[in-house]
Amino acid sequence: MTQPEHEALGGGCRCGAVRYVAASAPLHSMICHCRSCRLSAAAPLVPWVTFRRDEVIFSGIRRVHASSPGVERSFCPECGTPLSYTHADRPEHIDITTCSLDDPDAHPPRNDSWLEDDVCWMRAELAGARPGFRQFRPE
């Protein structure tokens, strides 16, 4: 019997009402500084891991809202934990909030994006720590 290449990754909201399992390793990990992410999380930045959309299964009821044209974000309606981001330009992918993973330390960010939107007091913390891009990372 062969060993699987990857164990499923689990995660969910703070209260446990919503859980998810990702059948594969993340395709990418990053930190977003865009205003939309900051407002949606009420935080100076939001770390994300990207998966193939068809490899993530949620249990529990999520609330979904359109935060901007082509963008849907989900969160737990019980505790408010932000959980996912999808964009019409990338329908095959889903971004999951890194800190909702059961083990967020296992998938550190590889870059920062949308630095043109960052809050100025975060700049000193970011200087030279990771590759940064003024907007979304190039493919």
N, C-alpha and C. Protein backbone atom coordinates (compact mmCIF):
# COMPACT_ATOMS: atom_id res chain seq x y z
N MET A 1 0.84 -1.18 0.00
CA MET A 1 0.00 0.00 0.00
C MET A 1 0.88 1.24 0.00
N THR A 2 0.61 2.18 -0.91
CA THR A 2 1.41 3.40 -1.00
C THR A 2 0.88 4.46 -0.05
N GLN A 3 1.79 5.31 0.42
CA GLN A 3 1.42 6.40 1.30
C GLN A 3 0.87 7.55 0.46
N PRO A 4 -0.15 8.27 0.97
CA PRO A 4 -0.63 9.43 0.23
C PRO A 4 0.45 10.51 0.19
N GLU A 5 0.46 11.30 -0.90
CA GLU A 5 1.44 12.37 -1.02
C GLU A 5 1.18 13.48 -0.02
N HIS A 6 -0.06 13.62 0.39
CA HIS A 6 -0.44 14.75 1.24
C HIS A 6 -1.60 14.35 2.14
N GLU A 7 -1.48 14.71 3.39
CA GLU A 7 -2.62 14.50 4.29
C GLU A 7 -3.57 15.66 4.16
N ALA A 8 -4.85 15.41 4.31
CA ALA A 8 -5.85 16.47 4.22
C ALA A 8 -5.60 17.52 5.30
N LEU A 9 -5.84 18.77 4.93
CA LEU A 9 -5.69 19.88 5.86
C LEU A 9 -7.07 20.27 6.38
N GLY A 10 -7.16 20.51 7.67
CA GLY A 10 -8.43 20.91 8.24
C GLY A 10 -8.35 22.30 8.82
N GLY A 11 -9.52 22.84 9.05
CA GLY A 11 -9.60 24.15 9.67
C GLY A 11 -11.04 24.52 9.90
N GLY A 12 -11.25 25.73 10.39
CA GLY A 12 -12.61 26.19 10.61
C GLY A 12 -12.64 27.47 11.41
N CYS A 13 -13.83 27.82 11.81
CA CYS A 13 -14.05 29.07 12.53
C CYS A 13 -13.72 28.93 14.02
N ARG A 14 -13.74 30.04 14.72
CA ARG A 14 -13.40 30.06 16.14
C ARG A 14 -14.37 29.23 16.97
N CYS A 15 -15.67 29.29 16.66
CA CYS A 15 -16.64 28.59 17.49
C CYS A 15 -16.87 27.14 17.10
N GLY A 16 -16.36 26.73 15.93
CA GLY A 16 -16.51 25.34 15.49
C GLY A 16 -17.76 25.05 14.69
N ALA A 17 -18.60 26.05 14.43
CA ALA A 17 -19.83 25.83 13.66
C ALA A 17 -19.55 25.52 12.20
N VAL A 18 -18.43 26.03 11.67
CA VAL A 18 -18.05 25.78 10.28
C VAL A 18 -16.67 25.14 10.29
N ARG A 19 -16.54 24.05 9.56
CA ARG A 19 -15.26 23.35 9.40
C ARG A 19 -15.03 23.14 7.90
N TYR A 20 -13.80 22.90 7.54
CA TYR A 20 -13.48 22.56 6.15
C TYR A 20 -12.33 21.57 6.14
N VAL A 21 -12.22 20.87 5.03
CA VAL A 21 -11.11 19.96 4.78
C VAL A 21 -10.63 20.23 3.36
N ALA A 22 -9.33 20.38 3.21
CA ALA A 22 -8.71 20.55 1.89
C ALA A 22 -7.97 19.27 1.56
N ALA A 23 -8.28 18.69 0.42
CA ALA A 23 -7.73 17.39 0.04
C ALA A 23 -6.30 17.48 -0.49
N SER A 24 -5.82 18.68 -0.76
CA SER A 24 -4.47 18.82 -1.31
C SER A 24 -3.71 19.91 -0.57
N ALA A 25 -2.43 19.96 -0.82
CA ALA A 25 -1.61 21.03 -0.25
C ALA A 25 -1.97 22.34 -0.92
N PRO A 26 -1.77 23.47 -0.23
CA PRO A 26 -2.06 24.76 -0.86
C PRO A 26 -1.20 24.98 -2.10
N LEU A 27 -1.77 25.68 -3.06
CA LEU A 27 -1.04 26.05 -4.27
C LEU A 27 -0.13 27.24 -4.02
N HIS A 28 -0.54 28.09 -3.09
CA HIS A 28 0.23 29.30 -2.78
C HIS A 28 -0.17 29.81 -1.40
N SER A 29 0.66 30.66 -0.84
CA SER A 29 0.34 31.32 0.42
C SER A 29 0.86 32.74 0.34
N MET A 30 0.11 33.69 0.87
CA MET A 30 0.49 35.09 0.77
C MET A 30 -0.21 35.92 1.82
N ILE A 31 0.22 37.17 1.93
CA ILE A 31 -0.44 38.14 2.80
C ILE A 31 -0.98 39.24 1.93
N CYS A 32 -2.25 39.58 2.11
CA CYS A 32 -2.87 40.65 1.34
C CYS A 32 -3.04 41.89 2.21
N HIS A 33 -2.73 43.04 1.61
CA HIS A 33 -2.83 44.33 2.30
C HIS A 33 -3.92 45.20 1.68
N CYS A 34 -4.72 44.66 0.75
CA CYS A 34 -5.70 45.51 0.07
C CYS A 34 -6.76 46.01 1.06
N ARG A 35 -7.33 47.14 0.72
CA ARG A 35 -8.33 47.76 1.59
C ARG A 35 -9.52 46.84 1.80
N SER A 36 -9.96 46.14 0.77
CA SER A 36 -11.11 45.26 0.89
C SER A 36 -10.86 44.14 1.91
N CYS A 37 -9.69 43.51 1.85
CA CYS A 37 -9.36 42.47 2.83
C CYS A 37 -9.26 43.06 4.23
N ARG A 38 -8.60 44.22 4.33
CA ARG A 38 -8.45 44.85 5.65
C ARG A 38 -9.80 45.18 6.27
N LEU A 39 -10.71 45.71 5.47
CA LEU A 39 -12.04 46.04 6.01
C LEU A 39 -12.83 44.78 6.35
N SER A 40 -12.72 43.74 5.52
CA SER A 40 -13.46 42.51 5.77
C SER A 40 -13.01 41.79 7.03
N ALA A 41 -11.75 41.95 7.38
CA ALA A 41 -11.21 41.28 8.57
C ALA A 41 -11.00 42.24 9.74
N ALA A 42 -11.16 43.54 9.49
CA ALA A 42 -10.87 44.56 10.50
C ALA A 42 -9.46 44.37 11.06
N ALA A 43 -8.52 44.17 10.13
CA ALA A 43 -7.13 43.90 10.50
C ALA A 43 -6.20 44.60 9.49
N PRO A 44 -4.94 44.84 9.84
CA PRO A 44 -4.04 45.54 8.93
C PRO A 44 -3.60 44.70 7.73
N LEU A 45 -3.79 43.40 7.79
CA LEU A 45 -3.43 42.51 6.70
C LEU A 45 -4.15 41.18 6.91
N VAL A 46 -4.25 40.40 5.84
CA VAL A 46 -4.90 39.09 5.93
C VAL A 46 -4.04 38.05 5.21
N PRO A 47 -3.57 37.02 5.93
CA PRO A 47 -2.85 35.94 5.26
C PRO A 47 -3.83 34.93 4.65
N TRP A 48 -3.48 34.46 3.44
CA TRP A 48 -4.33 33.53 2.70
C TRP A 48 -3.51 32.34 2.21
N VAL A 49 -4.17 31.19 2.11
CA VAL A 49 -3.63 30.03 1.39
C VAL A 49 -4.60 29.73 0.26
N THR A 50 -4.06 29.40 -0.91
CA THR A 50 -4.88 29.17 -2.10
C THR A 50 -4.94 27.67 -2.40
N PHE A 51 -6.16 27.19 -2.62
CA PHE A 51 -6.40 25.78 -2.97
C PHE A 51 -7.19 25.71 -4.26
N ARG A 52 -7.19 24.53 -4.87
CA ARG A 52 -8.15 24.28 -5.95
C ARG A 52 -9.53 24.24 -5.30
N ARG A 53 -10.46 24.94 -5.88
CA ARG A 53 -11.80 25.08 -5.29
C ARG A 53 -12.49 23.73 -5.10
N ASP A 54 -12.30 22.82 -6.05
CA ASP A 54 -12.98 21.53 -5.97
C ASP A 54 -12.35 20.58 -4.95
N GLU A 55 -11.26 21.00 -4.30
CA GLU A 55 -10.61 20.16 -3.30
C GLU A 55 -10.86 20.62 -1.87
N VAL A 56 -11.73 21.61 -1.69
CA VAL A 56 -12.07 22.09 -0.36
C VAL A 56 -13.55 21.83 -0.10
N ILE A 57 -13.82 21.12 0.99
CA ILE A 57 -15.21 20.79 1.35
C ILE A 57 -15.51 21.42 2.70
N PHE A 58 -16.60 22.19 2.75
CA PHE A 58 -17.04 22.84 3.99
C PHE A 58 -18.17 22.05 4.62
N SER A 59 -18.23 22.07 5.94
CA SER A 59 -19.39 21.56 6.67
C SER A 59 -19.85 22.68 7.59
N GLY A 60 -21.13 22.73 7.85
CA GLY A 60 -21.70 23.84 8.59
C GLY A 60 -22.20 24.89 7.61
N ILE A 61 -22.86 25.88 8.13
CA ILE A 61 -23.45 26.92 7.28
C ILE A 61 -22.58 28.17 7.32
N ARG A 62 -22.14 28.60 6.14
CA ARG A 62 -21.39 29.84 6.01
C ARG A 62 -22.29 30.92 5.45
N ARG A 63 -22.03 32.14 5.80
CA ARG A 63 -22.67 33.28 5.17
C ARG A 63 -21.71 33.78 4.11
N VAL A 64 -22.24 34.08 2.93
CA VAL A 64 -21.43 34.56 1.81
C VAL A 64 -21.92 35.95 1.42
N HIS A 65 -20.98 36.85 1.18
CA HIS A 65 -21.38 38.18 0.70
C HIS A 65 -20.44 38.63 -0.41
N ALA A 66 -20.99 39.45 -1.31
CA ALA A 66 -20.19 40.02 -2.40
C ALA A 66 -19.53 41.28 -1.87
N SER A 67 -18.22 41.23 -1.68
CA SER A 67 -17.53 42.38 -1.10
C SER A 67 -17.13 43.42 -2.15
N SER A 68 -17.04 43.01 -3.39
CA SER A 68 -16.74 43.90 -4.51
C SER A 68 -17.10 43.15 -5.79
N PRO A 69 -17.11 43.82 -6.94
CA PRO A 69 -17.51 43.12 -8.17
C PRO A 69 -16.66 41.87 -8.43
N GLY A 70 -17.32 40.75 -8.60
CA GLY A 70 -16.65 39.48 -8.88
C GLY A 70 -16.07 38.76 -7.69
N VAL A 71 -16.20 39.35 -6.49
CA VAL A 71 -15.59 38.77 -5.29
C VAL A 71 -16.65 38.34 -4.30
N GLU A 72 -16.51 37.12 -3.80
CA GLU A 72 -17.37 36.63 -2.72
C GLU A 72 -16.48 36.20 -1.57
N ARG A 73 -16.89 36.60 -0.37
CA ARG A 73 -16.19 36.23 0.86
C ARG A 73 -17.18 35.47 1.73
N SER A 74 -16.65 34.48 2.47
CA SER A 74 -17.53 33.77 3.39
C SER A 74 -17.01 33.91 4.81
N PHE A 75 -17.93 33.76 5.74
CA PHE A 75 -17.60 33.85 7.16
C PHE A 75 -18.60 33.03 7.95
N CYS A 76 -18.26 32.74 9.19
CA CYS A 76 -19.18 32.02 10.07
C CYS A 76 -20.23 33.01 10.58
N PRO A 77 -21.53 32.72 10.40
CA PRO A 77 -22.56 33.64 10.88
C PRO A 77 -22.70 33.63 12.40
N GLU A 78 -22.12 32.63 13.06
CA GLU A 78 -22.21 32.54 14.52
C GLU A 78 -21.14 33.39 15.21
N CYS A 79 -19.87 33.22 14.80
CA CYS A 79 -18.77 33.92 15.49
C CYS A 79 -18.11 35.00 14.64
N GLY A 80 -18.42 35.04 13.34
CA GLY A 80 -17.88 36.08 12.47
C GLY A 80 -16.52 35.81 11.86
N THR A 81 -15.93 34.65 12.10
CA THR A 81 -14.61 34.35 11.57
C THR A 81 -14.60 34.42 10.04
N PRO A 82 -13.74 35.25 9.43
CA PRO A 82 -13.60 35.25 7.98
C PRO A 82 -12.97 33.92 7.54
N LEU A 83 -13.52 33.31 6.48
CA LEU A 83 -13.06 31.99 6.07
C LEU A 83 -12.52 31.91 4.65
N SER A 84 -13.22 32.49 3.68
CA SER A 84 -12.78 32.27 2.30
C SER A 84 -13.00 33.49 1.42
N TYR A 85 -12.31 33.44 0.27
CA TYR A 85 -12.36 34.48 -0.74
C TYR A 85 -12.36 33.78 -2.09
N THR A 86 -13.28 34.14 -2.95
CA THR A 86 -13.27 33.65 -4.33
C THR A 86 -13.43 34.84 -5.26
N HIS A 87 -12.84 34.72 -6.45
CA HIS A 87 -12.90 35.80 -7.43
C HIS A 87 -13.33 35.21 -8.77
N ALA A 88 -14.22 35.89 -9.46
CA ALA A 88 -14.73 35.43 -10.75
C ALA A 88 -13.62 35.24 -11.77
N ASP A 89 -12.51 35.97 -11.63
CA ASP A 89 -11.38 35.82 -12.56
C ASP A 89 -10.59 34.54 -12.33
N ARG A 90 -10.78 33.92 -11.16
CA ARG A 90 -10.07 32.68 -10.82
C ARG A 90 -11.09 31.66 -10.26
N PRO A 91 -12.07 31.25 -11.06
CA PRO A 91 -13.14 30.40 -10.53
C PRO A 91 -12.69 29.03 -10.05
N GLU A 92 -11.51 28.58 -10.48
CA GLU A 92 -11.01 27.26 -10.08
C GLU A 92 -10.28 27.29 -8.74
N HIS A 93 -10.09 28.49 -8.17
CA HIS A 93 -9.37 28.62 -6.91
C HIS A 93 -10.23 29.18 -5.79
N ILE A 94 -9.85 28.85 -4.57
CA ILE A 94 -10.45 29.44 -3.38
C ILE A 94 -9.32 29.78 -2.42
N ASP A 95 -9.40 30.97 -1.86
CA ASP A 95 -8.42 31.38 -0.85
C ASP A 95 -9.07 31.18 0.50
N ILE A 96 -8.31 30.58 1.41
CA ILE A 96 -8.77 30.30 2.77
C ILE A 96 -7.90 31.12 3.72
N THR A 97 -8.51 31.72 4.72
CA THR A 97 -7.71 32.49 5.68
C THR A 97 -6.74 31.54 6.38
N THR A 98 -5.46 31.87 6.30
CA THR A 98 -4.41 31.02 6.84
C THR A 98 -4.64 30.73 8.32
N CYS A 99 -5.05 31.73 9.06
CA CYS A 99 -5.18 31.55 10.51
C CYS A 99 -6.42 30.75 10.90
N SER A 100 -7.28 30.39 9.92
CA SER A 100 -8.38 29.48 10.24
C SER A 100 -7.96 28.02 10.06
N LEU A 101 -6.75 27.77 9.51
CA LEU A 101 -6.24 26.41 9.43
C LEU A 101 -5.96 25.89 10.83
N ASP A 102 -6.11 24.60 11.02
CA ASP A 102 -5.76 24.01 12.32
C ASP A 102 -4.28 24.21 12.64
N ASP A 103 -3.44 24.24 11.60
CA ASP A 103 -2.00 24.45 11.79
C ASP A 103 -1.52 25.55 10.85
N PRO A 104 -1.78 26.81 11.17
CA PRO A 104 -1.37 27.89 10.27
C PRO A 104 0.14 28.02 10.13
N ASP A 105 0.91 27.55 11.10
CA ASP A 105 2.37 27.63 11.01
C ASP A 105 2.93 26.76 9.90
N ALA A 106 2.17 25.79 9.45
CA ALA A 106 2.66 24.86 8.42
C ALA A 106 2.71 25.50 7.03
N HIS A 107 2.05 26.66 6.86
CA HIS A 107 1.98 27.28 5.53
C HIS A 107 2.27 28.78 5.62
N PRO A 108 3.53 29.13 5.90
CA PRO A 108 3.89 30.55 6.01
C PRO A 108 3.74 31.26 4.67
N PRO A 109 3.50 32.57 4.70
CA PRO A 109 3.32 33.32 3.46
C PRO A 109 4.61 33.38 2.65
N ARG A 110 4.45 33.36 1.32
CA ARG A 110 5.58 33.45 0.40
C ARG A 110 5.77 34.85 -0.15
N ASN A 111 4.74 35.68 -0.07
CA ASN A 111 4.87 37.06 -0.54
C ASN A 111 3.79 37.93 0.09
N ASP A 112 3.96 39.24 -0.08
CA ASP A 112 2.95 40.23 0.31
C ASP A 112 2.41 40.84 -0.97
N SER A 113 1.10 41.06 -1.04
CA SER A 113 0.48 41.68 -2.21
C SER A 113 -0.33 42.90 -1.80
N TRP A 114 -0.57 43.76 -2.78
CA TRP A 114 -1.33 45.00 -2.61
C TRP A 114 -0.69 45.92 -1.57
N LEU A 115 0.64 46.00 -1.63
CA LEU A 115 1.35 46.88 -0.70
C LEU A 115 1.00 48.35 -0.91
N GLU A 116 0.51 48.69 -2.10
CA GLU A 116 0.10 50.08 -2.33
C GLU A 116 -1.08 50.48 -1.46
N ASP A 117 -1.78 49.50 -0.88
CA ASP A 117 -2.92 49.78 0.00
C ASP A 117 -2.57 49.63 1.48
N ASP A 118 -1.34 49.30 1.81
CA ASP A 118 -1.03 48.98 3.20
C ASP A 118 -1.22 50.18 4.13
N VAL A 119 -1.36 49.90 5.40
CA VAL A 119 -1.41 50.96 6.40
C VAL A 119 0.05 51.32 6.72
N CYS A 120 0.34 52.60 6.78
CA CYS A 120 1.74 53.05 6.84
C CYS A 120 2.51 52.49 8.03
N TRP A 121 1.86 52.24 9.14
CA TRP A 121 2.60 51.77 10.31
C TRP A 121 3.00 50.30 10.22
N MET A 122 2.57 49.60 9.18
CA MET A 122 3.02 48.22 8.97
C MET A 122 4.30 48.16 8.14
N ARG A 123 4.68 49.24 7.47
CA ARG A 123 5.82 49.21 6.54
C ARG A 123 7.13 48.84 7.21
N ALA A 124 7.39 49.35 8.37
CA ALA A 124 8.64 49.02 9.06
C ALA A 124 8.73 47.53 9.36
N GLU A 125 7.59 46.94 9.68
CA GLU A 125 7.56 45.50 9.97
C GLU A 125 7.85 44.68 8.73
N LEU A 126 7.48 45.19 7.57
CA LEU A 126 7.57 44.42 6.33
C LEU A 126 8.87 44.61 5.57
N ALA A 127 9.62 45.64 5.88
CA ALA A 127 10.81 45.97 5.10
C ALA A 127 11.76 44.77 4.99
N GLY A 128 11.82 44.22 3.79
CA GLY A 128 12.76 43.15 3.52
C GLY A 128 12.40 41.77 4.03
N ALA A 129 11.25 41.59 4.66
CA ALA A 129 10.91 40.30 5.24
C ALA A 129 10.54 39.25 4.19
N ARG A 130 9.85 39.66 3.14
CA ARG A 130 9.38 38.75 2.09
C ARG A 130 9.35 39.52 0.77
N PRO A 131 9.28 38.81 -0.36
CA PRO A 131 9.07 39.53 -1.62
C PRO A 131 7.75 40.29 -1.54
N GLY A 132 7.70 41.47 -2.09
CA GLY A 132 6.47 42.26 -2.08
C GLY A 132 6.13 42.77 -3.47
N PHE A 133 4.85 42.91 -3.73
CA PHE A 133 4.36 43.38 -5.02
C PHE A 133 3.35 44.48 -4.78
N ARG A 134 3.33 45.52 -5.61
CA ARG A 134 2.41 46.63 -5.42
C ARG A 134 0.96 46.17 -5.55
N GLN A 135 0.70 45.15 -6.34
CA GLN A 135 -0.62 44.58 -6.45
C GLN A 135 -0.48 43.07 -6.38
N PHE A 136 -1.37 42.31 -7.02
CA PHE A 136 -1.32 40.85 -6.96
C PHE A 136 -0.02 40.35 -7.55
N ARG A 137 0.51 39.26 -6.99
CA ARG A 137 1.78 38.71 -7.46
C ARG A 137 1.67 38.28 -8.92
N PRO A 138 2.75 38.45 -9.68
CA PRO A 138 2.73 37.98 -11.07
C PRO A 138 2.62 36.47 -11.11
N GLU A 139 1.98 35.96 -12.14
CA GLU A 139 1.81 34.51 -12.26
C GLU A 139 3.11 33.85 -12.53
